[in-house]
Amino acid sequence: MRALIVGGDHIEPTRRALEARGYDDIVHWTGRKTSDLTRPFPSRIDHMVIVLDYINHNLAKRMKKLAREHAIQIDYVRRKGVLTSH
């Protein structure tokens, strides 16, 4: 299974939590680049994690919209890396 983490620099706790859930392919976007707003969405994403403390409002809004369009479950994470499903 494949997951996308959007935002954050130190994502190891989040990566380990996803691996524990069975995700073996994890893609990470830092969210710091302005090009992330227009970046093509990766294929075959099963799950998305948005790191709220490290992402701008426009990118968060785009990711939530794409998740709805592709029926992808989203988790929101704060700095501590605790996954909370929505």
C-alpha atoms as a PDB file:
ATOM      1  CA  MET A   1       0.000   0.000   0.000  1.00  0.00           C
ATOM      2  CA  ARG A   2       1.110   3.563  -0.658  1.00  0.00           C
ATOM      3  CA  ALA A   3       0.802   6.641   1.557  1.00  0.00           C
ATOM      4  CA  LEU A   4       1.555  10.345   1.070  1.00  0.00           C
ATOM      5  CA  ILE A   5       2.850  12.565   3.885  1.00  0.00           C
ATOM      6  CA  VAL A   6       2.420  16.290   3.192  1.00  0.00           C
ATOM      7  CA  GLY A   7       4.388  18.729   5.352  1.00  0.00           C
ATOM      8  CA  GLY A   8       7.006  18.383   8.034  1.00  0.00           C
ATOM      9  CA  ASP A   9      10.746  17.899   8.073  1.00  0.00           C
ATOM     10  CA  HIS A  10      11.178  15.158  10.694  1.00  0.00           C
ATOM     11  CA  ILE A  11       8.571  12.575   9.766  1.00  0.00           C
ATOM     12  CA  GLU A  12      10.089   9.413  11.238  1.00  0.00           C
ATOM     13  CA  PRO A  13       7.399   8.903  13.943  1.00  0.00           C
ATOM     14  CA  THR A  14       4.693   9.299  11.292  1.00  0.00           C
ATOM     15  CA  ARG A  15       6.555   7.050   8.847  1.00  0.00           C
ATOM     16  CA  ARG A  16       6.913   4.332  11.521  1.00  0.00           C
ATOM     17  CA  ALA A  17       3.205   4.586  12.379  1.00  0.00           C
ATOM     18  CA  LEU A  18       2.284   4.136   8.721  1.00  0.00           C
ATOM     19  CA  GLU A  19       4.666   1.205   8.329  1.00  0.00           C
ATOM     20  CA  ALA A  20       3.055  -0.404  11.382  1.00  0.00           C
ATOM     21  CA  ARG A  21      -0.296  -0.088   9.594  1.00  0.00           C
ATOM     22  CA  GLY A  22       1.091  -1.940   6.580  1.00  0.00           C
ATOM     23  CA  TYR A  23       2.132   0.888   4.243  1.00  0.00           C
ATOM     24  CA  ASP A  24       5.349  -0.086   2.495  1.00  0.00           C
ATOM     25  CA  ASP A  25       5.658   2.779  -0.020  1.00  0.00           C
ATOM     26  CA  ILE A  26       5.628   6.219   1.624  1.00  0.00           C
ATOM     27  CA  VAL A  27       5.960   9.421  -0.418  1.00  0.00           C
ATOM     28  CA  HIS A  28       6.873  12.676   1.363  1.00  0.00           C
ATOM     29  CA  TRP A  29       6.255  16.259   0.236  1.00  0.00           C
ATOM     30  CA  THR A  30       7.799  18.860   2.550  1.00  0.00           C
ATOM     31  CA  GLY A  31       5.182  21.477   1.686  1.00  0.00           C
ATOM     32  CA  ARG A  32       7.837  24.186   1.769  1.00  0.00           C
ATOM     33  CA  LYS A  33       8.186  24.597  -1.988  1.00  0.00           C
ATOM     34  CA  THR A  34       5.749  26.839  -3.835  1.00  0.00           C
ATOM     35  CA  SER A  35       5.746  24.232  -6.602  1.00  0.00           C
ATOM     36  CA  ASP A  36       4.004  21.794  -4.219  1.00  0.00           C
ATOM     37  CA  LEU A  37       0.750  23.640  -4.971  1.00  0.00           C
ATOM     38  CA  THR A  38       0.930  22.630  -8.635  1.00  0.00           C
ATOM     39  CA  ARG A  39       2.783  19.346  -8.255  1.00  0.00           C
ATOM     40  CA  PRO A  40       1.078  16.378  -9.956  1.00  0.00           C
ATOM     41  CA  PHE A  41      -0.696  14.100  -7.526  1.00  0.00           C
ATOM     42  CA  PRO A  42       1.042  10.694  -7.213  1.00  0.00           C
ATOM     43  CA  SER A  43      -0.817   7.657  -8.484  1.00  0.00           C
ATOM     44  CA  ARG A  44      -2.111   4.773  -6.362  1.00  0.00           C
ATOM     45  CA  ILE A  45      -2.182   6.687  -3.050  1.00  0.00           C
ATOM     46  CA  ASP A  46      -4.230   4.752  -0.483  1.00  0.00           C
ATOM     47  CA  HIS A  47      -3.770   7.072   2.499  1.00  0.00           C
ATOM     48  CA  MET A  48      -2.740  10.682   3.127  1.00  0.00           C
ATOM     49  CA  VAL A  49      -1.213  12.315   6.208  1.00  0.00           C
ATOM     50  CA  ILE A  50      -1.185  16.104   6.531  1.00  0.00           C
ATOM     51  CA  VAL A  51       1.287  17.577   9.044  1.00  0.00           C
ATOM     52  CA  LEU A  52      -0.654  20.656  10.135  1.00  0.00           C
ATOM     53  CA  ASP A  53       2.158  22.638  11.738  1.00  0.00           C
ATOM     54  CA  TYR A  54       4.274  22.677   8.590  1.00  0.00           C
ATOM     55  CA  ILE A  55       1.871  23.282   5.720  1.00  0.00           C
ATOM     56  CA  ASN A  56       0.280  26.437   4.376  1.00  0.00           C
ATOM     57  CA  HIS A  57      -3.470  26.856   4.150  1.00  0.00           C
ATOM     58  CA  ASN A  58      -3.680  26.685   0.346  1.00  0.00           C
ATOM     59  CA  LEU A  59      -1.758  23.420   0.122  1.00  0.00           C
ATOM     60  CA  ALA A  60      -3.834  21.874   2.917  1.00  0.00           C
ATOM     61  CA  LYS A  61      -7.006  22.902   1.095  1.00  0.00           C
ATOM     62  CA  ARG A  62      -5.741  21.387  -2.191  1.00  0.00           C
ATOM     63  CA  MET A  63      -4.747  18.116  -0.517  1.00  0.00           C
ATOM     64  CA  LYS A  64      -8.121  17.780   1.220  1.00  0.00           C
ATOM     65  CA  LYS A  65      -9.886  18.395  -2.096  1.00  0.00           C
ATOM     66  CA  LEU A  66      -7.754  15.795  -3.897  1.00  0.00           C
ATOM     67  CA  ALA A  67      -8.352  13.284  -1.106  1.00  0.00           C
ATOM     68  CA  ARG A  68     -12.115  13.741  -1.428  1.00  0.00           C
ATOM     69  CA  GLU A  69     -11.954  13.377  -5.227  1.00  0.00           C
ATOM     70  CA  HIS A  70      -9.929  10.149  -4.998  1.00  0.00           C
ATOM     71  CA  ALA A  71     -11.731   8.776  -1.891  1.00  0.00           C
ATOM     72  CA  ILE A  72      -8.494   8.709   0.129  1.00  0.00           C
ATOM     73  CA  GLN A  73      -8.568   8.611   3.921  1.00  0.00           C
ATOM     74  CA  ILE A  74      -6.741  11.519   5.598  1.00  0.00           C
ATOM     75  CA  ASP A  75      -4.960  11.646   8.945  1.00  0.00           C
ATOM     76  CA  TYR A  76      -3.983  14.968  10.512  1.00  0.00           C
ATOM     77  CA  VAL A  77      -0.789  15.135  12.548  1.00  0.00           C
ATOM     78  CA  ARG A  78       0.609  17.774  14.879  1.00  0.00           C
ATOM     79  CA  ARG A  79       4.313  18.089  15.716  1.00  0.00           C
ATOM     80  CA  LYS A  80       4.321  14.990  17.914  1.00  0.00           C
ATOM     81  CA  GLY A  81       3.446  12.723  14.992  1.00  0.00           C
ATOM     82  CA  VAL A  82       0.275  11.211  16.496  1.00  0.00           C
ATOM     83  CA  LEU A  83      -2.108  10.028  13.805  1.00  0.00           C
ATOM     84  CA  THR A  84      -5.753  11.068  14.149  1.00  0.00           C
ATOM     85  CA  SER A  85      -8.115   9.750  11.469  1.00  0.00           C
ATOM     86  CA  HIS A  86     -10.839  11.818   9.820  1.00  0.00           C
END
